Amino acid sequence: MVMGTAAGSLLFYSVTKSQVLAHTNEVHVGPVTGLSWSSTTLALYSCGEDGYVVEWDGESTTSVR
């Protein structure tokens, strides 16, 4: 599960382990307003009030672009 924060960060959370797997630094200026998984790859996309879209590798939890 991935959650966006009001501070512009992402939390990658394991429901089965009940723990945060990774926490990004503030990648968006302002709140994260949307998250979407690719239907064909393990890519995750986040967008924020700053107007930017960031692509993430869902396995390594690192930004791609």
PDB file of N, CA and C in Angstrom:
ATOM      1  N   MET A   1       0.851  -1.158   0.000  1.00  0.00           N
ATOM      2  CA  MET A   1       0.000   0.000   0.000  1.00  0.00           C
ATOM      3  C   MET A   1       0.905   1.231   0.000  1.00  0.00           C
ATOM      4  N   VAL A   2       0.481   2.259  -0.718  1.00  0.00           N
ATOM      5  CA  VAL A   2       1.227   3.513  -0.753  1.00  0.00           C
ATOM      6  C   VAL A   2       0.294   4.635  -0.316  1.00  0.00           C
ATOM      7  N   MET A   3       0.825   5.520   0.518  1.00  0.00           N
ATOM      8  CA  MET A   3       0.043   6.659   0.990  1.00  0.00           C
ATOM      9  C   MET A   3       0.818   7.942   0.726  1.00  0.00           C
ATOM     10  N   GLY A   4       0.138   8.962   0.268  1.00  0.00           N
ATOM     11  CA  GLY A   4       0.737  10.274   0.092  1.00  0.00           C
ATOM     12  C   GLY A   4       0.463  11.128   1.317  1.00  0.00           C
ATOM     13  N   THR A   5       1.384  12.032   1.628  1.00  0.00           N
ATOM     14  CA  THR A   5       1.220  12.868   2.817  1.00  0.00           C
ATOM     15  C   THR A   5       0.958  14.320   2.433  1.00  0.00           C
ATOM     16  N   ALA A   6       0.493  15.093   3.386  1.00  0.00           N
ATOM     17  CA  ALA A   6       0.267  16.518   3.183  1.00  0.00           C
ATOM     18  C   ALA A   6       1.577  17.278   3.011  1.00  0.00           C
ATOM     19  N   ALA A   7       2.681  16.673   3.459  1.00  0.00           N
ATOM     20  CA  ALA A   7       3.999  17.306   3.340  1.00  0.00           C
ATOM     21  C   ALA A   7       4.666  17.002   1.995  1.00  0.00           C
ATOM     22  N   GLY A   8       4.021  16.182   1.141  1.00  0.00           N
ATOM     23  CA  GLY A   8       4.582  15.876  -0.165  1.00  0.00           C
ATOM     24  C   GLY A   8       5.434  14.630  -0.215  1.00  0.00           C
ATOM     25  N   SER A   9       5.363  13.787   0.802  1.00  0.00           N
ATOM     26  CA  SER A   9       6.135  12.544   0.859  1.00  0.00           C
ATOM     27  C   SER A   9       5.238  11.352   0.535  1.00  0.00           C
ATOM     28  N   LEU A  10       5.874  10.200   0.306  1.00  0.00           N
ATOM     29  CA  LEU A  10       5.143   8.953   0.113  1.00  0.00           C
ATOM     30  C   LEU A  10       5.576   7.955   1.178  1.00  0.00           C
ATOM     31  N   LEU A  11       4.624   7.167   1.660  1.00  0.00           N
ATOM     32  CA  LEU A  11       4.899   6.079   2.592  1.00  0.00           C
ATOM     33  C   LEU A  11       4.543   4.773   1.904  1.00  0.00           C
ATOM     34  N   PHE A  12       5.510   3.873   1.786  1.00  0.00           N
ATOM     35  CA  PHE A  12       5.286   2.541   1.243  1.00  0.00           C
ATOM     36  C   PHE A  12       5.090   1.620   2.444  1.00  0.00           C
ATOM     37  N   TYR A  13       3.891   1.079   2.589  1.00  0.00           N
ATOM     38  CA  TYR A  13       3.498   0.350   3.799  1.00  0.00           C
ATOM     39  C   TYR A  13       3.156  -1.100   3.464  1.00  0.00           C
ATOM     40  N   SER A  14       3.649  -2.026   4.257  1.00  0.00           N
ATOM     41  CA  SER A  14       3.316  -3.445   4.117  1.00  0.00           C
ATOM     42  C   SER A  14       2.162  -3.768   5.052  1.00  0.00           C
ATOM     43  N   VAL A  15       1.044  -4.145   4.478  1.00  0.00           N
ATOM     44  CA  VAL A  15      -0.115  -4.513   5.288  1.00  0.00           C
ATOM     45  C   VAL A  15       0.153  -5.830   6.007  1.00  0.00           C
ATOM     46  N   THR A  16       0.817  -6.765   5.326  1.00  0.00           N
ATOM     47  CA  THR A  16       1.068  -8.072   5.937  1.00  0.00           C
ATOM     48  C   THR A  16       2.072  -7.996   7.086  1.00  0.00           C
ATOM     49  N   LYS A  17       3.041  -7.070   6.986  1.00  0.00           N
ATOM     50  CA  LYS A  17       4.046  -6.922   8.044  1.00  0.00           C
ATOM     51  C   LYS A  17       3.679  -5.840   9.058  1.00  0.00           C
ATOM     52  N   SER A  18       2.656  -5.060   8.745  1.00  0.00           N
ATOM     53  CA  SER A  18       2.222  -3.948   9.600  1.00  0.00           C
ATOM     54  C   SER A  18       3.361  -2.981   9.896  1.00  0.00           C
ATOM     55  N   GLN A  19       4.084  -2.592   8.842  1.00  0.00           N
ATOM     56  CA  GLN A  19       5.190  -1.647   9.035  1.00  0.00           C
ATOM     57  C   GLN A  19       5.445  -0.844   7.766  1.00  0.00           C
ATOM     58  N   VAL A  20       6.060   0.307   7.952  1.00  0.00           N
ATOM     59  CA  VAL A  20       6.461   1.146   6.827  1.00  0.00           C
ATOM     60  C   VAL A  20       7.723   0.547   6.221  1.00  0.00           C
ATOM     61  N   LEU A  21       7.689   0.263   4.911  1.00  0.00           N
ATOM     62  CA  LEU A  21       8.841  -0.306   4.216  1.00  0.00           C
ATOM     63  C   LEU A  21       9.797   0.775   3.741  1.00  0.00           C
ATOM     64  N   ALA A  22       9.239   1.903   3.318  1.00  0.00           N
ATOM     65  CA  ALA A  22      10.064   3.008   2.825  1.00  0.00           C
ATOM     66  C   ALA A  22       9.300   4.307   3.001  1.00  0.00           C
ATOM     67  N   HIS A  23      10.053   5.380   3.179  1.00  0.00           N
ATOM     68  CA  HIS A  23       9.496   6.727   3.320  1.00  0.00           C
ATOM     69  C   HIS A  23      10.328   7.647   2.448  1.00  0.00           C
ATOM     70  N   THR A  24       9.694   8.322   1.508  1.00  0.00           N
ATOM     71  CA  THR A  24      10.442   9.230   0.638  1.00  0.00           C
ATOM     72  C   THR A  24      10.577  10.587   1.308  1.00  0.00           C
ATOM     73  N   ASN A  25      11.583  11.321   0.901  1.00  0.00           N
ATOM     74  CA  ASN A  25      11.661  12.716   1.308  1.00  0.00           C
ATOM     75  C   ASN A  25      10.568  13.479   0.576  1.00  0.00           C
ATOM     76  N   GLU A  26      10.409  14.723   0.861  1.00  0.00           N
ATOM     77  CA  GLU A  26       9.356  15.511   0.237  1.00  0.00           C
ATOM     78  C   GLU A  26       9.626  15.626  -1.261  1.00  0.00           C
ATOM     79  N   VAL A  27       8.905  14.842  -2.054  1.00  0.00           N
ATOM     80  CA  VAL A  27       9.098  14.843  -3.508  1.00  0.00           C
ATOM     81  C   VAL A  27       8.166  15.819  -4.203  1.00  0.00           C
ATOM     82  N   HIS A  28       7.125  16.224  -3.527  1.00  0.00           N
ATOM     83  CA  HIS A  28       6.203  17.230  -4.051  1.00  0.00           C
ATOM     84  C   HIS A  28       6.207  18.424  -3.098  1.00  0.00           C
ATOM     85  N   VAL A  29       6.047  19.599  -3.665  1.00  0.00           N
ATOM     86  CA  VAL A  29       5.923  20.805  -2.854  1.00  0.00           C
ATOM     87  C   VAL A  29       4.436  20.938  -2.523  1.00  0.00           C
ATOM     88  N   GLY A  30       4.093  20.624  -1.309  1.00  0.00           N
ATOM     89  CA  GLY A  30       2.696  20.598  -0.907  1.00  0.00           C
ATOM     90  C   GLY A  30       2.169  19.177  -0.920  1.00  0.00           C
ATOM     91  N   PRO A  31       0.881  19.026  -0.659  1.00  0.00           N
ATOM     92  CA  PRO A  31       0.282  17.705  -0.517  1.00  0.00           C
ATOM     93  C   PRO A  31       0.333  16.856  -1.782  1.00  0.00           C
ATOM     94  N   VAL A  32       0.438  15.544  -1.586  1.00  0.00           N
ATOM     95  CA  VAL A  32       0.256  14.582  -2.671  1.00  0.00           C
ATOM     96  C   VAL A  32      -1.249  14.489  -2.908  1.00  0.00           C
ATOM     97  N   THR A  33      -1.659  14.664  -4.168  1.00  0.00           N
ATOM     98  CA  THR A  33      -3.097  14.694  -4.462  1.00  0.00           C
ATOM     99  C   THR A  33      -3.593  13.459  -5.194  1.00  0.00           C
ATOM    100  N   GLY A  34      -2.660  12.628  -5.695  1.00  0.00           N
ATOM    101  CA  GLY A  34      -3.103  11.428  -6.392  1.00  0.00           C
ATOM    102  C   GLY A  34      -2.003  10.399  -6.525  1.00  0.00           C
ATOM    103  N   LEU A  35      -2.415   9.130  -6.569  1.00  0.00           N
ATOM    104  CA  LEU A  35      -1.512   7.999  -6.776  1.00  0.00           C
ATOM    105  C   LEU A  35      -2.183   7.042  -7.742  1.00  0.00           C
ATOM    106  N   SER A  36      -1.394   6.481  -8.672  1.00  0.00           N
ATOM    107  CA  SER A  36      -1.958   5.541  -9.627  1.00  0.00           C
ATOM    108  C   SER A  36      -0.916   4.502 -10.017  1.00  0.00           C
ATOM    109  N   TRP A  37      -1.302   3.229 -10.022  1.00  0.00           N
ATOM    110  CA  TRP A  37      -0.431   2.150 -10.461  1.00  0.00           C
ATOM    111  C   TRP A  37      -0.634   1.925 -11.952  1.00  0.00           C
ATOM    112  N   SER A  38       0.431   1.588 -12.669  1.00  0.00           N
ATOM    113  CA  SER A  38       0.335   1.208 -14.068  1.00  0.00           C
ATOM    114  C   SER A  38      -0.379  -0.143 -14.154  1.00  0.00           C
ATOM    115  N   SER A  39      -1.187  -0.316 -15.173  1.00  0.00           N
ATOM    116  CA  SER A  39      -1.897  -1.589 -15.330  1.00  0.00           C
ATOM    117  C   SER A  39      -1.030  -2.650 -16.008  1.00  0.00           C
ATOM    118  N   THR A  40       0.132  -2.249 -16.553  1.00  0.00           N
ATOM    119  CA  THR A  40       0.974  -3.206 -17.276  1.00  0.00           C
ATOM    120  C   THR A  40       2.361  -3.408 -16.671  1.00  0.00           C
ATOM    121  N   THR A  41       2.792  -2.522 -15.792  1.00  0.00           N
ATOM    122  CA  THR A  41       4.116  -2.633 -15.180  1.00  0.00           C
ATOM    123  C   THR A  41       3.988  -2.417 -13.671  1.00  0.00           C
ATOM    124  N   LEU A  42       5.105  -2.442 -12.963  1.00  0.00           N
ATOM    125  CA  LEU A  42       5.087  -2.165 -11.526  1.00  0.00           C
ATOM    126  C   LEU A  42       5.331  -0.684 -11.228  1.00  0.00           C
ATOM    127  N   ALA A  43       5.069   0.169 -12.201  1.00  0.00           N
ATOM    128  CA  ALA A  43       5.292   1.608 -12.013  1.00  0.00           C
ATOM    129  C   ALA A  43       4.146   2.229 -11.215  1.00  0.00           C
ATOM    130  N   LEU A  44       4.516   3.178 -10.383  1.00  0.00           N
ATOM    131  CA  LEU A  44       3.563   3.965  -9.608  1.00  0.00           C
ATOM    132  C   LEU A  44       3.765   5.418 -10.007  1.00  0.00           C
ATOM    133  N   TYR A  45       2.672   6.162 -10.098  1.00  0.00           N
ATOM    134  CA  TYR A  45       2.753   7.585 -10.433  1.00  0.00           C
ATOM    135  C   TYR A  45       2.121   8.385  -9.304  1.00  0.00           C
ATOM    136  N   SER A  46       2.821   9.446  -8.897  1.00  0.00           N
ATOM    137  CA  SER A  46       2.268  10.338  -7.879  1.00  0.00           C
ATOM    138  C   SER A  46       2.152  11.730  -8.481  1.00  0.00           C
ATOM    139  N   CYS A  47       1.157  12.468  -8.024  1.00  0.00           N
ATOM    140  CA  CYS A  47       1.025  13.868  -8.439  1.00  0.00           C
ATOM    141  C   CYS A  47       0.711  14.689  -7.198  1.00  0.00           C
ATOM    142  N   GLY A  48       1.045  15.966  -7.270  1.00  0.00           N
ATOM    143  CA  GLY A  48       0.842  16.822  -6.114  1.00  0.00           C
ATOM    144  C   GLY A  48       0.295  18.176  -6.505  1.00  0.00           C
ATOM    145  N   GLU A  49       0.028  18.986  -5.504  1.00  0.00           N
ATOM    146  CA  GLU A  49      -0.463  20.348  -5.748  1.00  0.00           C
ATOM    147  C   GLU A  49       0.536  21.193  -6.507  1.00  0.00           C
ATOM    148  N   ASP A  50       1.799  20.738  -6.558  1.00  0.00           N
ATOM    149  CA  ASP A  50       2.822  21.481  -7.289  1.00  0.00           C
ATOM    150  C   ASP A  50       2.688  21.323  -8.803  1.00  0.00           C
ATOM    151  N   GLY A  51       1.801  20.425  -9.266  1.00  0.00           N
ATOM    152  CA  GLY A  51       1.576  20.247 -10.693  1.00  0.00           C
ATOM    153  C   GLY A  51       2.500  19.235 -11.356  1.00  0.00           C
ATOM    154  N   TYR A  52       3.352  18.572 -10.586  1.00  0.00           N
ATOM    155  CA  TYR A  52       4.282  17.594 -11.137  1.00  0.00           C
ATOM    156  C   TYR A  52       3.755  16.172 -10.975  1.00  0.00           C
ATOM    157  N   VAL A  53       4.152  15.313 -11.932  1.00  0.00           N
ATOM    158  CA  VAL A  53       3.889  13.887 -11.858  1.00  0.00           C
ATOM    159  C   VAL A  53       5.242  13.203 -11.743  1.00  0.00           C
ATOM    160  N   VAL A  54       5.382  12.294 -10.785  1.00  0.00           N
ATOM    161  CA  VAL A  54       6.638  11.567 -10.567  1.00  0.00           C
ATOM    162  C   VAL A  54       6.375  10.081 -10.791  1.00  0.00           C
ATOM    163  N   GLU A  55       7.257   9.426 -11.557  1.00  0.00           N
ATOM    164  CA  GLU A  55       7.153   7.994 -11.788  1.00  0.00           C
ATOM    165  C   GLU A  55       8.058   7.262 -10.801  1.00  0.00           C
ATOM    166  N   TRP A  56       7.552   6.174 -10.221  1.00  0.00           N
ATOM    167  CA  TRP A  56       8.270   5.401  -9.214  1.00  0.00           C
ATOM    168  C   TRP A  56       8.390   3.958  -9.643  1.00  0.00           C
ATOM    169  N   ASP A  57       9.498   3.331  -9.283  1.00  0.00           N
ATOM    170  CA  ASP A  57       9.633   1.886  -9.441  1.00  0.00           C
ATOM    171  C   ASP A  57       8.982   1.259  -8.216  1.00  0.00           C
ATOM    172  N   GLY A  58       7.926   0.495  -8.427  1.00  0.00           N
ATOM    173  CA  GLY A  58       7.168  -0.078  -7.325  1.00  0.00           C
ATOM    174  C   GLY A  58       7.927  -1.076  -6.472  1.00  0.00           C
ATOM    175  N   GLU A  59       8.954  -1.700  -7.031  1.00  0.00           N
ATOM    176  CA  GLU A  59       9.733  -2.677  -6.267  1.00  0.00           C
ATOM    177  C   GLU A  59      10.819  -2.024  -5.426  1.00  0.00           C
ATOM    178  N   SER A  60      11.542  -1.076  -6.020  1.00  0.00           N
ATOM    179  CA  SER A  60      12.657  -0.463  -5.281  1.00  0.00           C
ATOM    180  C   SER A  60      12.252   0.809  -4.551  1.00  0.00           C
ATOM    181  N   THR A  61      11.037   1.300  -4.786  1.00  0.00           N
ATOM    182  CA  THR A  61      10.500   2.532  -4.192  1.00  0.00           C
ATOM    183  C   THR A  61      11.382   3.748  -4.465  1.00  0.00           C
ATOM    184  N   THR A  62      12.016   3.785  -5.636  1.00  0.00           N
ATOM    185  CA  THR A  62      12.823   4.933  -6.039  1.00  0.00           C
ATOM    186  C   THR A  62      12.168   5.623  -7.214  1.00  0.00           C
ATOM    187  N   SER A  63      12.378   6.931  -7.320  1.00  0.00           N
ATOM    188  CA  SER A  63      11.811   7.663  -8.435  1.00  0.00           C
ATOM    189  C   SER A  63      12.575   7.351  -9.706  1.00  0.00           C
ATOM    190  N   VAL A  64      11.849   7.254 -10.792  1.00  0.00           N
ATOM    191  CA  VAL A  64      12.428   6.922 -12.087  1.00  0.00           C
ATOM    192  C   VAL A  64      12.625   8.191 -12.897  1.00  0.00           C
ATOM    193  N   ARG A  65      11.639   9.083 -12.861  1.00  0.00           N
ATOM    194  CA  ARG A  65      11.706  10.334 -13.621  1.00  0.00           C
ATOM    195  C   ARG A  65      11.159  11.466 -12.790  1.00  0.00           C
TER     196      ARG A  65
END
